[in-house]
Amino acid sequence: MKPTLLDLYCCAGGAGMGYHLAGFEVFGVDISDQPNYPFQMHTGDAIEYVKRHGHEFDAIHASPPCQGHSGPTKGTNAARNAAQGRSHPDLIDATRQALDATGKPYVIENVMGAPLRRDLVLCGEMFGLGVLQHRIFELGGWTTEQPEHIRHRGRVRGWRHGTFYDGPYVAAYGRGGGKATVAAMQTAKQITWSDDHVELCEAIPPAYTKWIGERLLAA
């Protein structure tokens, strides 16, 4: 039997697919139904689920909501969000506490501005992808080496202040201004099972967690 991995805040399954390719049997949990998620899943509260069932799995991955820690939320959109009374949940601490209580090895993933320990920082260039999408990974109960952060080959393709820049990477966020199309994101991230624009913007490339999953199995 394959080792089992619980995929919390699973969304469309970018992380889950990587662990699957590494050799895990993956089971997802998300507060909302995810019809494009490629594995079996439970719809419900991720923290409550891991408190009740986390011990039943060999390892756990969690990608808590990242919007509150993203660059636009803290910078470009900060004043507008404040004026509109808009806020985003911060579930990282509560998730970490629930994961620690299981005694299982785990991974927490989030954006660069998130309050995570930077055990790993990965980007698409490390895996030859057409997207950068830097992400932090905090490891609980196990460790692995940080791979070399390879020099980027050029710019992210798109418009900046009225000038169009070409480059080897697509802008996998937002719309307009030369941002990536659905087809471009599918190719750049190697995600073929979803054609939803928002899902493709938010999903991490499976290559990241395939690399992590292989090392987690070895550990």
N, C-alpha and C. Protein backbone atom coordinates (compact mmCIF):
# COMPACT_ATOMS: atom_id res chain seq x y z
N MET A 1 0.84 -1.20 0.00
CA MET A 1 0.00 0.00 0.00
C MET A 1 0.87 1.24 0.00
N LYS A 2 0.39 2.29 -0.68
CA LYS A 2 1.11 3.55 -0.70
C LYS A 2 0.97 4.26 0.64
N PRO A 3 1.97 5.05 1.04
CA PRO A 3 1.80 5.90 2.22
C PRO A 3 0.73 6.95 1.93
N THR A 4 0.03 7.36 2.97
CA THR A 4 -1.09 8.28 2.79
C THR A 4 -0.71 9.69 3.18
N LEU A 5 -1.26 10.68 2.46
CA LEU A 5 -1.00 12.08 2.75
C LEU A 5 -2.31 12.85 2.78
N LEU A 6 -2.51 13.63 3.83
CA LEU A 6 -3.68 14.48 3.99
C LEU A 6 -3.35 15.86 3.44
N ASP A 7 -4.13 16.33 2.49
CA ASP A 7 -3.90 17.59 1.77
C ASP A 7 -4.92 18.62 2.24
N LEU A 8 -4.52 19.47 3.22
CA LEU A 8 -5.44 20.44 3.81
C LEU A 8 -5.50 21.71 2.98
N TYR A 9 -6.70 22.31 2.92
CA TYR A 9 -6.95 23.49 2.07
C TYR A 9 -6.56 23.13 0.63
N CYS A 10 -7.09 22.05 0.15
CA CYS A 10 -6.59 21.41 -1.07
C CYS A 10 -6.87 22.18 -2.34
N CYS A 11 -7.94 23.00 -2.37
CA CYS A 11 -8.31 23.77 -3.57
C CYS A 11 -8.33 22.86 -4.80
N ALA A 12 -7.68 23.26 -5.89
CA ALA A 12 -7.77 22.50 -7.13
C ALA A 12 -6.80 21.33 -7.20
N GLY A 13 -5.84 21.26 -6.26
CA GLY A 13 -4.99 20.07 -6.20
C GLY A 13 -3.61 20.19 -6.80
N GLY A 14 -3.08 21.41 -6.93
CA GLY A 14 -1.71 21.54 -7.42
C GLY A 14 -0.72 20.83 -6.52
N ALA A 15 -0.82 21.08 -5.22
CA ALA A 15 0.07 20.42 -4.26
C ALA A 15 -0.21 18.92 -4.21
N GLY A 16 -1.47 18.55 -4.13
CA GLY A 16 -1.84 17.15 -4.04
C GLY A 16 -1.32 16.31 -5.19
N MET A 17 -1.36 16.87 -6.40
CA MET A 17 -0.89 16.12 -7.56
C MET A 17 0.61 15.84 -7.45
N GLY A 18 1.37 16.80 -6.94
CA GLY A 18 2.80 16.56 -6.78
C GLY A 18 3.08 15.41 -5.84
N TYR A 19 2.38 15.36 -4.71
CA TYR A 19 2.57 14.26 -3.76
C TYR A 19 2.14 12.93 -4.38
N HIS A 20 1.07 12.96 -5.15
CA HIS A 20 0.62 11.76 -5.86
C HIS A 20 1.72 11.24 -6.79
N LEU A 21 2.33 12.15 -7.55
CA LEU A 21 3.39 11.76 -8.47
C LEU A 21 4.62 11.25 -7.72
N ALA A 22 4.81 11.71 -6.49
CA ALA A 22 5.94 11.25 -5.68
C ALA A 22 5.71 9.86 -5.10
N GLY A 23 4.44 9.41 -5.05
CA GLY A 23 4.16 8.06 -4.55
C GLY A 23 3.20 7.97 -3.40
N PHE A 24 2.53 9.08 -3.05
CA PHE A 24 1.56 9.07 -1.95
C PHE A 24 0.14 8.82 -2.46
N GLU A 25 -0.67 8.22 -1.60
CA GLU A 25 -2.11 8.21 -1.81
C GLU A 25 -2.67 9.46 -1.12
N VAL A 26 -3.31 10.34 -1.88
CA VAL A 26 -3.66 11.67 -1.41
C VAL A 26 -5.15 11.78 -1.12
N PHE A 27 -5.47 12.44 0.00
CA PHE A 27 -6.86 12.71 0.39
C PHE A 27 -6.96 14.18 0.76
N GLY A 28 -7.88 14.91 0.13
CA GLY A 28 -7.97 16.35 0.32
C GLY A 28 -9.08 16.79 1.25
N VAL A 29 -8.91 17.99 1.81
CA VAL A 29 -9.95 18.64 2.63
C VAL A 29 -9.99 20.11 2.25
N ASP A 30 -11.18 20.64 2.06
CA ASP A 30 -11.35 22.06 1.77
C ASP A 30 -12.71 22.50 2.27
N ILE A 31 -12.81 23.77 2.69
CA ILE A 31 -14.07 24.29 3.22
C ILE A 31 -15.14 24.37 2.14
N SER A 32 -14.72 24.45 0.87
CA SER A 32 -15.64 24.51 -0.26
C SER A 32 -15.47 23.28 -1.13
N ASP A 33 -16.55 22.87 -1.77
CA ASP A 33 -16.46 21.76 -2.71
C ASP A 33 -15.52 22.13 -3.84
N GLN A 34 -14.67 21.21 -4.24
CA GLN A 34 -13.69 21.45 -5.30
C GLN A 34 -13.89 20.42 -6.41
N PRO A 35 -14.79 20.72 -7.36
CA PRO A 35 -15.12 19.72 -8.38
C PRO A 35 -13.95 19.33 -9.28
N ASN A 36 -12.93 20.17 -9.38
CA ASN A 36 -11.78 19.83 -10.22
C ASN A 36 -10.67 19.10 -9.47
N TYR A 37 -10.82 18.94 -8.16
CA TYR A 37 -9.79 18.25 -7.38
C TYR A 37 -9.67 16.81 -7.87
N PRO A 38 -8.48 16.35 -8.21
CA PRO A 38 -8.35 15.05 -8.89
C PRO A 38 -8.32 13.83 -7.99
N PHE A 39 -8.52 14.02 -6.67
CA PHE A 39 -8.48 12.89 -5.75
C PHE A 39 -9.70 12.93 -4.83
N GLN A 40 -9.85 11.90 -4.02
CA GLN A 40 -10.94 11.86 -3.06
C GLN A 40 -10.77 13.01 -2.06
N MET A 41 -11.90 13.62 -1.66
CA MET A 41 -11.78 14.74 -0.74
C MET A 41 -13.00 14.83 0.18
N HIS A 42 -12.83 15.58 1.27
CA HIS A 42 -13.89 15.88 2.23
C HIS A 42 -14.12 17.37 2.23
N THR A 43 -15.38 17.79 2.18
CA THR A 43 -15.71 19.21 2.25
C THR A 43 -16.02 19.57 3.70
N GLY A 44 -15.19 20.44 4.28
CA GLY A 44 -15.38 20.83 5.66
C GLY A 44 -14.20 21.64 6.17
N ASP A 45 -14.20 21.95 7.46
CA ASP A 45 -13.16 22.75 8.08
C ASP A 45 -11.86 21.95 8.20
N ALA A 46 -10.78 22.48 7.64
CA ALA A 46 -9.51 21.74 7.60
C ALA A 46 -8.93 21.52 8.99
N ILE A 47 -8.99 22.52 9.85
CA ILE A 47 -8.39 22.40 11.18
C ILE A 47 -9.15 21.38 12.02
N GLU A 48 -10.47 21.43 11.97
CA GLU A 48 -11.26 20.45 12.71
C GLU A 48 -11.01 19.05 12.19
N TYR A 49 -10.86 18.92 10.88
CA TYR A 49 -10.64 17.59 10.31
C TYR A 49 -9.30 17.01 10.75
N VAL A 50 -8.24 17.84 10.74
CA VAL A 50 -6.94 17.30 11.12
C VAL A 50 -6.89 16.98 12.62
N LYS A 51 -7.65 17.70 13.42
CA LYS A 51 -7.70 17.38 14.85
C LYS A 51 -8.32 16.00 15.08
N ARG A 52 -9.31 15.65 14.25
CA ARG A 52 -10.01 14.39 14.43
C ARG A 52 -9.35 13.23 13.68
N HIS A 53 -8.76 13.52 12.52
CA HIS A 53 -8.29 12.43 11.66
C HIS A 53 -6.84 12.51 11.25
N GLY A 54 -6.14 13.57 11.63
CA GLY A 54 -4.76 13.72 11.18
C GLY A 54 -3.86 12.56 11.53
N HIS A 55 -4.10 11.94 12.69
CA HIS A 55 -3.26 10.82 13.13
C HIS A 55 -3.42 9.59 12.26
N GLU A 56 -4.45 9.57 11.41
CA GLU A 56 -4.71 8.40 10.57
C GLU A 56 -3.84 8.39 9.31
N PHE A 57 -3.14 9.49 9.04
CA PHE A 57 -2.35 9.61 7.82
C PHE A 57 -0.86 9.54 8.13
N ASP A 58 -0.08 9.19 7.10
CA ASP A 58 1.37 9.10 7.30
C ASP A 58 2.04 10.47 7.28
N ALA A 59 1.48 11.42 6.56
CA ALA A 59 2.04 12.76 6.47
C ALA A 59 0.92 13.74 6.11
N ILE A 60 1.19 15.03 6.31
CA ILE A 60 0.16 16.05 6.09
C ILE A 60 0.78 17.25 5.38
N HIS A 61 0.06 17.78 4.41
CA HIS A 61 0.42 19.05 3.76
C HIS A 61 -0.71 20.04 4.00
N ALA A 62 -0.36 21.30 4.23
CA ALA A 62 -1.36 22.34 4.44
C ALA A 62 -0.98 23.59 3.67
N SER A 63 -1.94 24.15 2.96
CA SER A 63 -1.77 25.43 2.26
C SER A 63 -2.86 26.39 2.74
N PRO A 64 -2.69 26.96 3.96
CA PRO A 64 -3.72 27.87 4.48
C PRO A 64 -3.94 29.05 3.54
N PRO A 65 -5.11 29.70 3.60
CA PRO A 65 -5.37 30.85 2.72
C PRO A 65 -4.23 31.84 2.77
N CYS A 66 -3.80 32.30 1.58
CA CYS A 66 -2.60 33.13 1.50
C CYS A 66 -2.90 34.59 1.19
N GLN A 67 -4.17 34.93 0.89
CA GLN A 67 -4.46 36.28 0.39
C GLN A 67 -4.03 37.37 1.36
N GLY A 68 -4.14 37.13 2.66
CA GLY A 68 -3.79 38.15 3.63
C GLY A 68 -2.31 38.44 3.70
N HIS A 69 -1.47 37.54 3.15
CA HIS A 69 -0.03 37.72 3.21
C HIS A 69 0.59 38.06 1.86
N SER A 70 -0.23 38.17 0.82
CA SER A 70 0.31 38.43 -0.51
C SER A 70 0.77 39.86 -0.65
N GLY A 71 1.62 40.10 -1.63
CA GLY A 71 2.14 41.43 -1.88
C GLY A 71 1.06 42.46 -2.18
N PRO A 72 0.11 42.18 -3.09
CA PRO A 72 -0.93 43.16 -3.37
C PRO A 72 -1.78 43.51 -2.15
N THR A 73 -2.09 42.53 -1.30
CA THR A 73 -2.91 42.80 -0.12
C THR A 73 -2.18 43.74 0.84
N LYS A 74 -0.88 43.53 1.00
CA LYS A 74 -0.11 44.36 1.93
C LYS A 74 0.33 45.68 1.31
N GLY A 75 0.33 45.75 -0.04
CA GLY A 75 0.84 46.93 -0.71
C GLY A 75 -0.21 47.64 -1.54
N THR A 76 -0.31 47.25 -2.82
CA THR A 76 -1.14 47.95 -3.78
C THR A 76 -2.59 48.07 -3.34
N ASN A 77 -3.16 47.01 -2.77
CA ASN A 77 -4.59 46.99 -2.44
C ASN A 77 -4.89 47.29 -0.97
N ALA A 78 -3.88 47.61 -0.18
CA ALA A 78 -4.07 47.77 1.26
C ALA A 78 -5.09 48.86 1.60
N ALA A 79 -4.94 50.06 0.99
CA ALA A 79 -5.84 51.17 1.30
C ALA A 79 -7.27 50.85 0.87
N ARG A 80 -7.43 50.25 -0.30
CA ARG A 80 -8.77 49.92 -0.78
C ARG A 80 -9.43 48.88 0.11
N ASN A 81 -8.68 47.86 0.52
CA ASN A 81 -9.24 46.84 1.40
C ASN A 81 -9.67 47.44 2.74
N ALA A 82 -8.86 48.35 3.27
CA ALA A 82 -9.19 48.99 4.54
C ALA A 82 -10.45 49.84 4.41
N ALA A 83 -10.57 50.58 3.31
CA ALA A 83 -11.73 51.43 3.10
C ALA A 83 -13.01 50.62 2.97
N GLN A 84 -12.89 49.43 2.39
CA GLN A 84 -14.05 48.57 2.17
C GLN A 84 -14.28 47.61 3.34
N GLY A 85 -13.44 47.68 4.36
CA GLY A 85 -13.59 46.79 5.50
C GLY A 85 -13.33 45.35 5.16
N ARG A 86 -12.50 45.12 4.15
CA ARG A 86 -12.23 43.76 3.68
C ARG A 86 -11.02 43.19 4.41
N SER A 87 -11.14 41.97 4.88
CA SER A 87 -10.02 41.30 5.56
C SER A 87 -9.94 39.86 5.10
N HIS A 88 -8.82 39.22 5.39
CA HIS A 88 -8.59 37.84 4.98
C HIS A 88 -8.22 37.01 6.21
N PRO A 89 -8.68 35.77 6.28
CA PRO A 89 -8.37 34.94 7.46
C PRO A 89 -6.90 34.59 7.53
N ASP A 90 -6.35 34.55 8.75
CA ASP A 90 -4.98 34.12 8.97
C ASP A 90 -5.04 32.85 9.82
N LEU A 91 -4.89 31.71 9.15
CA LEU A 91 -5.07 30.42 9.80
C LEU A 91 -3.75 29.68 10.01
N ILE A 92 -2.63 30.35 9.80
CA ILE A 92 -1.34 29.65 9.86
C ILE A 92 -1.04 29.15 11.26
N ASP A 93 -1.16 30.00 12.28
CA ASP A 93 -0.83 29.57 13.64
C ASP A 93 -1.73 28.42 14.10
N ALA A 94 -3.03 28.56 13.86
CA ALA A 94 -3.97 27.51 14.28
C ALA A 94 -3.70 26.20 13.54
N THR A 95 -3.34 26.31 12.27
CA THR A 95 -3.02 25.12 11.49
C THR A 95 -1.76 24.45 12.03
N ARG A 96 -0.73 25.25 12.32
CA ARG A 96 0.53 24.70 12.83
C ARG A 96 0.29 23.98 14.16
N GLN A 97 -0.48 24.57 15.05
CA GLN A 97 -0.76 23.94 16.33
C GLN A 97 -1.48 22.61 16.16
N ALA A 98 -2.45 22.57 15.25
CA ALA A 98 -3.18 21.33 14.99
C ALA A 98 -2.27 20.26 14.39
N LEU A 99 -1.37 20.66 13.51
CA LEU A 99 -0.44 19.71 12.90
C LEU A 99 0.56 19.19 13.92
N ASP A 100 1.09 20.06 14.77
CA ASP A 100 2.03 19.62 15.80
C ASP A 100 1.39 18.57 16.71
N ALA A 101 0.11 18.74 16.99
CA ALA A 101 -0.57 17.82 17.91
C ALA A 101 -0.72 16.42 17.34
N THR A 102 -0.66 16.27 16.01
CA THR A 102 -0.81 14.94 15.41
C THR A 102 0.44 14.10 15.59
N GLY A 103 1.60 14.74 15.75
CA GLY A 103 2.86 14.00 15.81
C GLY A 103 3.32 13.47 14.47
N LYS A 104 2.66 13.86 13.38
CA LYS A 104 3.02 13.39 12.04
C LYS A 104 3.92 14.40 11.34
N PRO A 105 4.77 13.95 10.44
CA PRO A 105 5.56 14.90 9.64
C PRO A 105 4.63 15.72 8.75
N TYR A 106 4.95 17.01 8.62
CA TYR A 106 4.05 17.86 7.84
C TYR A 106 4.81 18.92 7.06
N VAL A 107 4.09 19.55 6.14
CA VAL A 107 4.58 20.66 5.33
C VAL A 107 3.51 21.74 5.33
N ILE A 108 3.90 22.99 5.62
CA ILE A 108 2.98 24.13 5.46
C ILE A 108 3.54 25.00 4.35
N GLU A 109 2.69 25.34 3.39
CA GLU A 109 3.11 26.14 2.22
C GLU A 109 2.38 27.47 2.21
N ASN A 110 3.08 28.53 1.79
CA ASN A 110 2.42 29.82 1.64
C ASN A 110 3.28 30.78 0.82
N VAL A 111 2.76 32.00 0.65
CA VAL A 111 3.44 33.01 -0.16
C VAL A 111 4.63 33.59 0.60
N MET A 112 5.45 34.37 -0.09
CA MET A 112 6.69 34.85 0.48
C MET A 112 6.51 35.75 1.70
N GLY A 113 5.39 36.45 1.78
CA GLY A 113 5.18 37.35 2.91
C GLY A 113 4.57 36.70 4.13
N ALA A 114 4.35 35.39 4.09
CA ALA A 114 3.67 34.70 5.18
C ALA A 114 4.60 34.46 6.37
N PRO A 115 4.06 34.40 7.60
CA PRO A 115 4.88 34.16 8.79
C PRO A 115 5.20 32.67 8.98
N LEU A 116 5.99 32.14 8.06
CA LEU A 116 6.44 30.76 8.13
C LEU A 116 7.95 30.72 8.29
N ARG A 117 8.46 29.67 8.91
CA ARG A 117 9.89 29.43 8.92
C ARG A 117 10.31 29.00 7.52
N ARG A 118 11.35 29.60 6.99
CA ARG A 118 11.74 29.35 5.61
C ARG A 118 12.67 28.13 5.51
N ASP A 119 12.12 26.97 5.77
CA ASP A 119 12.90 25.74 5.64
C ASP A 119 13.22 25.47 4.18
N LEU A 120 12.28 25.78 3.30
CA LEU A 120 12.49 25.67 1.86
C LEU A 120 11.88 26.89 1.17
N VAL A 121 12.55 27.38 0.16
CA VAL A 121 11.98 28.39 -0.74
C VAL A 121 12.16 27.83 -2.15
N LEU A 122 11.05 27.63 -2.85
CA LEU A 122 11.10 27.04 -4.19
C LEU A 122 10.53 28.01 -5.22
N CYS A 123 11.03 27.90 -6.44
CA CYS A 123 10.46 28.68 -7.55
C CYS A 123 10.49 27.82 -8.81
N GLY A 124 9.72 28.24 -9.80
CA GLY A 124 9.56 27.44 -11.00
C GLY A 124 10.84 27.23 -11.79
N GLU A 125 11.77 28.18 -11.70
CA GLU A 125 13.02 28.04 -12.45
C GLU A 125 13.82 26.83 -11.98
N MET A 126 13.67 26.44 -10.71
CA MET A 126 14.37 25.26 -10.20
C MET A 126 13.94 23.98 -10.91
N PHE A 127 12.74 24.03 -11.53
CA PHE A 127 12.18 22.84 -12.17
C PHE A 127 11.97 23.04 -13.66
N GLY A 128 12.55 24.10 -14.22
CA GLY A 128 12.45 24.36 -15.65
C GLY A 128 11.07 24.75 -16.12
N LEU A 129 10.28 25.38 -15.23
CA LEU A 129 8.92 25.74 -15.58
C LEU A 129 8.84 27.14 -16.18
N GLY A 130 7.72 27.45 -16.82
CA GLY A 130 7.51 28.75 -17.42
C GLY A 130 6.82 29.73 -16.50
N VAL A 131 7.00 29.56 -15.20
CA VAL A 131 6.42 30.45 -14.21
C VAL A 131 7.38 30.48 -13.02
N LEU A 132 7.47 31.62 -12.33
CA LEU A 132 8.37 31.72 -11.18
C LEU A 132 7.66 31.29 -9.89
N GLN A 133 6.67 32.05 -9.44
CA GLN A 133 5.81 31.71 -8.30
C GLN A 133 6.60 31.19 -7.10
N HIS A 134 7.39 32.05 -6.48
CA HIS A 134 8.15 31.69 -5.28
C HIS A 134 7.21 31.34 -4.14
N ARG A 135 7.54 30.28 -3.42
CA ARG A 135 6.73 29.84 -2.28
C ARG A 135 7.64 29.37 -1.14
N ILE A 136 7.15 29.60 0.10
CA ILE A 136 7.84 29.15 1.31
C ILE A 136 7.22 27.83 1.77
N PHE A 137 8.06 26.95 2.32
CA PHE A 137 7.59 25.69 2.89
C PHE A 137 8.23 25.52 4.26
N GLU A 138 7.39 25.37 5.28
CA GLU A 138 7.86 25.07 6.64
C GLU A 138 7.68 23.58 6.87
N LEU A 139 8.71 22.92 7.37
CA LEU A 139 8.69 21.48 7.57
C LEU A 139 8.59 21.17 9.05
N GLY A 140 7.67 20.29 9.40
CA GLY A 140 7.48 19.89 10.79
C GLY A 140 7.79 18.42 10.99
N GLY A 141 8.71 18.12 11.90
CA GLY A 141 9.03 16.73 12.21
C GLY A 141 9.99 16.06 11.26
N TRP A 142 10.54 16.82 10.31
CA TRP A 142 11.52 16.25 9.38
C TRP A 142 12.25 17.42 8.70
N THR A 143 13.33 17.13 8.04
CA THR A 143 14.09 18.16 7.35
C THR A 143 14.60 17.63 6.02
N THR A 144 14.96 18.55 5.14
CA THR A 144 15.64 18.22 3.89
C THR A 144 16.44 19.43 3.47
N GLU A 145 17.28 19.26 2.44
CA GLU A 145 18.17 20.33 2.03
C GLU A 145 17.43 21.37 1.19
N GLN A 146 17.91 22.60 1.22
CA GLN A 146 17.42 23.66 0.35
C GLN A 146 18.13 23.55 -0.99
N PRO A 147 17.39 23.37 -2.09
CA PRO A 147 18.05 23.31 -3.40
C PRO A 147 18.57 24.69 -3.81
N GLU A 148 19.52 24.70 -4.69
CA GLU A 148 20.09 25.96 -5.18
C GLU A 148 19.01 26.78 -5.88
N HIS A 149 18.94 28.07 -5.56
CA HIS A 149 18.00 28.96 -6.21
C HIS A 149 18.64 29.46 -7.50
N ILE A 150 18.28 28.83 -8.61
CA ILE A 150 18.91 29.08 -9.90
C ILE A 150 18.57 30.50 -10.37
N ARG A 151 19.55 31.16 -10.98
CA ARG A 151 19.36 32.50 -11.51
C ARG A 151 18.25 32.50 -12.55
N HIS A 152 17.35 33.47 -12.47
CA HIS A 152 16.25 33.57 -13.42
C HIS A 152 16.79 33.92 -14.81
N ARG A 153 16.12 33.38 -15.82
CA ARG A 153 16.60 33.56 -17.19
C ARG A 153 16.17 34.87 -17.83
N GLY A 154 15.28 35.59 -17.18
CA GLY A 154 14.77 36.83 -17.77
C GLY A 154 13.60 37.36 -16.99
N ARG A 155 12.75 38.13 -17.65
CA ARG A 155 11.63 38.80 -17.00
C ARG A 155 10.36 37.97 -17.10
N VAL A 156 9.38 38.36 -16.28
CA VAL A 156 8.02 37.84 -16.42
C VAL A 156 7.36 38.61 -17.56
N ARG A 157 6.76 37.89 -18.49
CA ARG A 157 6.19 38.49 -19.69
C ARG A 157 4.94 39.30 -19.37
N GLY A 158 4.85 40.51 -19.92
CA GLY A 158 3.65 41.32 -19.73
C GLY A 158 3.94 42.81 -19.76
N TRP A 159 2.88 43.60 -19.55
CA TRP A 159 2.97 45.06 -19.57
C TRP A 159 3.34 45.59 -18.19
N ARG A 160 4.27 46.56 -18.16
CA ARG A 160 4.63 47.25 -16.93
C ARG A 160 4.72 48.74 -17.22
N HIS A 161 3.79 49.53 -16.67
CA HIS A 161 3.82 50.99 -16.81
C HIS A 161 3.90 51.42 -18.27
N GLY A 162 3.07 50.79 -19.09
CA GLY A 162 2.97 51.18 -20.49
C GLY A 162 4.00 50.56 -21.41
N THR A 163 4.88 49.73 -20.90
CA THR A 163 5.90 49.08 -21.72
C THR A 163 5.72 47.57 -21.64
N PHE A 164 5.76 46.91 -22.80
CA PHE A 164 5.63 45.45 -22.83
C PHE A 164 7.01 44.82 -22.77
N TYR A 165 7.17 43.89 -21.82
CA TYR A 165 8.42 43.16 -21.68
C TYR A 165 8.20 41.71 -22.04
N ASP A 166 9.08 41.18 -22.86
CA ASP A 166 9.01 39.76 -23.18
C ASP A 166 9.88 39.00 -22.18
N GLY A 167 9.65 37.72 -22.07
CA GLY A 167 10.44 36.93 -21.15
C GLY A 167 9.97 35.49 -21.13
N PRO A 168 10.70 34.62 -20.44
CA PRO A 168 10.40 33.18 -20.45
C PRO A 168 9.32 32.75 -19.48
N TYR A 169 8.79 33.69 -18.65
CA TYR A 169 7.83 33.32 -17.62
C TYR A 169 6.50 34.05 -17.83
N VAL A 170 5.40 33.36 -17.55
CA VAL A 170 4.08 33.98 -17.64
C VAL A 170 3.72 34.61 -16.31
N ALA A 171 2.86 35.62 -16.35
CA ALA A 171 2.34 36.28 -15.15
C ALA A 171 1.07 35.56 -14.73
N ALA A 172 1.20 34.64 -13.79
CA ALA A 172 0.07 33.78 -13.39
C ALA A 172 -0.68 34.40 -12.22
N TYR A 173 -1.19 35.60 -12.42
CA TYR A 173 -1.99 36.29 -11.41
C TYR A 173 -2.78 37.40 -12.10
N GLY A 174 -4.00 37.61 -11.64
CA GLY A 174 -4.82 38.70 -12.17
C GLY A 174 -5.19 38.54 -13.63
N ARG A 175 -5.75 39.62 -14.18
CA ARG A 175 -6.17 39.64 -15.57
C ARG A 175 -5.71 40.94 -16.21
N GLY A 176 -5.62 40.95 -17.54
CA GLY A 176 -5.21 42.15 -18.25
C GLY A 176 -3.72 42.41 -18.13
N GLY A 177 -3.24 43.40 -18.86
CA GLY A 177 -1.84 43.78 -18.77
C GLY A 177 -0.87 42.69 -19.20
N GLY A 178 -1.32 41.84 -20.10
CA GLY A 178 -0.44 40.77 -20.57
C GLY A 178 -0.37 39.59 -19.64
N LYS A 179 -1.31 39.51 -18.66
CA LYS A 179 -1.32 38.36 -17.75
C LYS A 179 -1.59 37.07 -18.52
N ALA A 180 -1.21 35.96 -17.92
CA ALA A 180 -1.29 34.67 -18.60
C ALA A 180 -2.72 34.24 -18.87
N THR A 181 -2.93 33.61 -20.00
CA THR A 181 -4.21 32.99 -20.32
C THR A 181 -4.32 31.66 -19.60
N VAL A 182 -5.51 31.09 -19.61
CA VAL A 182 -5.72 29.77 -19.02
C VAL A 182 -4.77 28.74 -19.64
N ALA A 183 -4.70 28.74 -20.97
CA ALA A 183 -3.86 27.77 -21.66
C ALA A 183 -2.38 27.97 -21.31
N ALA A 184 -1.96 29.22 -21.19
CA ALA A 184 -0.56 29.50 -20.86
C ALA A 184 -0.23 29.03 -19.45
N MET A 185 -1.15 29.23 -18.50
CA MET A 185 -0.90 28.77 -17.13
C MET A 185 -0.90 27.25 -17.05
N GLN A 186 -1.81 26.61 -17.78
CA GLN A 186 -1.82 25.15 -17.78
C GLN A 186 -0.47 24.59 -18.23
N THR A 187 0.08 25.20 -19.28
CA THR A 187 1.37 24.74 -19.80
C THR A 187 2.51 25.08 -18.85
N ALA A 188 2.53 26.31 -18.34
CA ALA A 188 3.63 26.77 -17.50
C ALA A 188 3.70 26.01 -16.18
N LYS A 189 2.53 25.71 -15.60
CA LYS A 189 2.51 25.03 -14.30
C LYS A 189 2.37 23.52 -14.41
N GLN A 190 2.13 23.02 -15.62
CA GLN A 190 1.90 21.59 -15.85
C GLN A 190 0.68 21.10 -15.07
N ILE A 191 -0.39 21.89 -15.17
CA ILE A 191 -1.67 21.54 -14.57
C ILE A 191 -2.68 21.39 -15.70
N THR A 192 -3.14 20.19 -15.92
CA THR A 192 -4.00 19.90 -17.08
C THR A 192 -5.44 19.60 -16.71
N TRP A 193 -5.73 19.37 -15.43
CA TRP A 193 -7.06 18.89 -15.03
C TRP A 193 -8.03 20.02 -14.69
N SER A 194 -7.57 21.27 -14.66
CA SER A 194 -8.45 22.40 -14.39
C SER A 194 -8.29 23.44 -15.48
N ASP A 195 -9.41 24.06 -15.85
CA ASP A 195 -9.36 25.19 -16.79
C ASP A 195 -9.99 26.44 -16.18
N ASP A 196 -10.00 26.48 -14.83
CA ASP A 196 -10.55 27.62 -14.11
C ASP A 196 -9.44 28.65 -13.87
N HIS A 197 -9.67 29.89 -14.28
CA HIS A 197 -8.63 30.91 -14.23
C HIS A 197 -8.14 31.16 -12.80
N VAL A 198 -9.06 31.30 -11.85
CA VAL A 198 -8.69 31.57 -10.46
C VAL A 198 -7.92 30.39 -9.88
N GLU A 199 -8.38 29.17 -10.13
CA GLU A 199 -7.69 27.99 -9.62
C GLU A 199 -6.26 27.92 -10.16
N LEU A 200 -6.11 28.21 -11.43
CA LEU A 200 -4.78 28.14 -12.04
C LEU A 200 -3.85 29.22 -11.51
N CYS A 201 -4.40 30.40 -11.21
CA CYS A 201 -3.58 31.46 -10.61
C CYS A 201 -3.07 31.04 -9.23
N GLU A 202 -3.94 30.43 -8.43
CA GLU A 202 -3.61 30.15 -7.04
C GLU A 202 -2.83 28.84 -6.84
N ALA A 203 -3.02 27.88 -7.72
CA ALA A 203 -2.40 26.56 -7.53
C ALA A 203 -0.88 26.63 -7.68
N ILE A 204 -0.17 25.89 -6.82
CA ILE A 204 1.27 25.79 -7.00
C ILE A 204 1.56 24.67 -8.00
N PRO A 205 2.65 24.78 -8.74
CA PRO A 205 2.98 23.71 -9.70
C PRO A 205 3.24 22.39 -8.98
N PRO A 206 2.71 21.29 -9.48
CA PRO A 206 2.95 19.98 -8.86
C PRO A 206 4.42 19.62 -8.74
N ALA A 207 5.26 20.21 -9.58
CA ALA A 207 6.69 19.90 -9.52
C ALA A 207 7.28 20.21 -8.15
N TYR A 208 6.75 21.25 -7.47
CA TYR A 208 7.27 21.62 -6.15
C TYR A 208 7.07 20.48 -5.15
N THR A 209 5.83 20.01 -5.05
CA THR A 209 5.53 19.00 -4.04
C THR A 209 5.93 17.60 -4.46
N LYS A 210 6.13 17.37 -5.74
CA LYS A 210 6.73 16.09 -6.16
C LYS A 210 8.15 16.02 -5.61
N TRP A 211 8.90 17.11 -5.73
CA TRP A 211 10.26 17.17 -5.20
C TRP A 211 10.26 16.99 -3.69
N ILE A 212 9.36 17.71 -3.01
CA ILE A 212 9.27 17.60 -1.56
C ILE A 212 8.82 16.20 -1.16
N GLY A 213 7.81 15.67 -1.84
CA GLY A 213 7.28 14.37 -1.50
C GLY A 213 8.30 13.25 -1.61
N GLU A 214 9.15 13.31 -2.62
CA GLU A 214 10.19 12.31 -2.78
C GLU A 214 11.16 12.34 -1.62
N ARG A 215 11.47 13.53 -1.14
CA ARG A 215 12.38 13.65 0.01
C ARG A 215 11.69 13.30 1.32
N LEU A 216 10.41 13.57 1.39
CA LEU A 216 9.64 13.18 2.59
C LEU A 216 9.59 11.66 2.69
N LEU A 217 9.39 10.98 1.59
CA LEU A 217 9.38 9.51 1.60
C LEU A 217 10.75 8.97 2.02
N ALA A 218 11.81 9.58 1.53
CA ALA A 218 13.15 9.13 1.90
C ALA A 218 13.42 9.35 3.38
N ALA A 219 12.88 10.46 3.93
CA ALA A 219 13.09 10.77 5.34
C ALA A 219 12.30 9.83 6.24
